[in-house]
Protein backbone atom coordinates (compact mmCIF):
# COMPACT_ATOMS: atom_id res chain seq x y z
CA UNK A 1 -93.48 -62.02 134.60
CA UNK A 2 -93.73 -59.85 137.72
CA UNK A 3 -96.76 -57.58 137.84
CA UNK A 4 -94.58 -54.45 138.08
CA UNK A 5 -92.78 -55.27 134.81
CA UNK A 6 -96.11 -56.02 133.19
CA UNK A 7 -97.53 -52.67 134.29
CA UNK A 8 -94.47 -50.79 133.04
CA UNK A 9 -94.76 -52.47 129.65
CA UNK A 10 -98.47 -51.66 129.54
CA UNK A 11 -97.86 -47.97 130.37
CA UNK A 12 -95.05 -47.78 127.83
CA UNK A 13 -97.38 -49.14 125.15
CA UNK A 14 -100.09 -46.66 126.15
CA UNK A 15 -97.61 -43.79 126.01
CA UNK A 16 -96.44 -44.87 122.58
CA UNK A 17 -100.02 -45.13 121.34
CA UNK A 18 -101.21 -41.84 122.85
CA UNK A 19 -100.62 -38.74 120.77
CA UNK A 20 -101.07 -35.18 122.00
CA UNK A 21 -103.35 -34.40 119.06
CA UNK A 22 -105.71 -37.17 120.10
CA UNK A 23 -109.35 -36.18 120.49
CA UNK A 24 -109.60 -37.95 123.85
CA UNK A 25 -108.15 -36.70 127.10
CA UNK A 26 -105.22 -38.67 128.54
CA UNK A 27 -105.74 -40.58 131.76
CA UNK A 28 -104.09 -39.15 134.86
CA UNK A 29 -101.53 -41.96 134.73
CA UNK A 30 -100.59 -41.29 131.11
CA UNK A 31 -100.50 -37.54 131.71
CA UNK A 32 -98.19 -38.11 134.69
CA UNK A 33 -95.89 -40.29 132.57
CA UNK A 34 -95.83 -37.75 129.75
CA UNK A 35 -95.01 -34.94 132.16
CA UNK A 36 -92.29 -37.06 133.78
CA UNK A 37 -90.69 -37.63 130.38
CA UNK A 38 -90.84 -33.91 129.65
CA UNK A 39 -89.25 -33.16 133.03
CA UNK A 40 -86.44 -35.65 132.39
CA UNK A 41 -85.71 -34.14 128.98
CA UNK A 42 -85.84 -30.61 130.43
CA UNK A 43 -83.30 -31.56 133.12
CA UNK A 44 -81.01 -33.10 130.47
CA UNK A 45 -81.30 -30.00 128.29
CA UNK A 46 -80.61 -27.69 131.22
CA UNK A 47 -77.58 -29.72 132.29
CA UNK A 48 -76.20 -29.69 128.73
CA UNK A 49 -76.76 -25.93 128.44
CA UNK A 50 -74.92 -25.31 131.73
CA UNK A 51 -72.00 -27.47 130.60
CA UNK A 52 -71.82 -25.64 127.27
CA UNK A 53 -71.95 -22.26 129.02
CA UNK A 54 -69.13 -23.32 131.35
CA UNK A 55 -67.05 -24.53 128.39
CA UNK A 56 -67.55 -21.28 126.49
CA UNK A 57 -66.75 -19.16 129.54
CA UNK A 58 -63.51 -21.08 130.09
CA UNK A 59 -62.61 -20.70 126.42
CA UNK A 60 -63.31 -16.96 126.57
CA UNK A 61 -61.27 -16.58 129.77
CA UNK A 62 -58.31 -18.28 128.08
CA UNK A 63 -58.59 -15.97 125.06
CA UNK A 64 -58.74 -12.90 127.31
CA UNK A 65 -55.70 -14.07 129.29
CA UNK A 66 -53.81 -14.67 126.04
CA UNK A 67 -54.67 -11.22 124.68
CA UNK A 68 -53.70 -9.54 127.96
CA UNK A 69 -50.39 -11.36 127.94
CA UNK A 70 -49.75 -10.21 124.35
CA UNK A 71 -50.54 -6.59 125.26
CA UNK A 72 -48.21 -6.71 128.27
CA UNK A 73 -45.44 -8.20 126.12
CA UNK A 74 -45.86 -5.47 123.49
CA UNK A 75 -45.82 -2.70 126.09
CA UNK A 76 -42.52 -3.89 127.58
């Protein structure tokens, strides 16, 4: 097994074992990995929120256009 794969597996095991309520401080490597995971999840969450906002804005714009069209039809 290549050393890189072995190291990744070792870090993954350490991350799975480490808990934030542990009495011992995390190593710099584990802290970096934890923060990287948090950053990845934050980017995913932000991307999903932006997509949802865009979807809702488009939905609202369609509703407004529909209501305006109804008002114009009634006023004619």
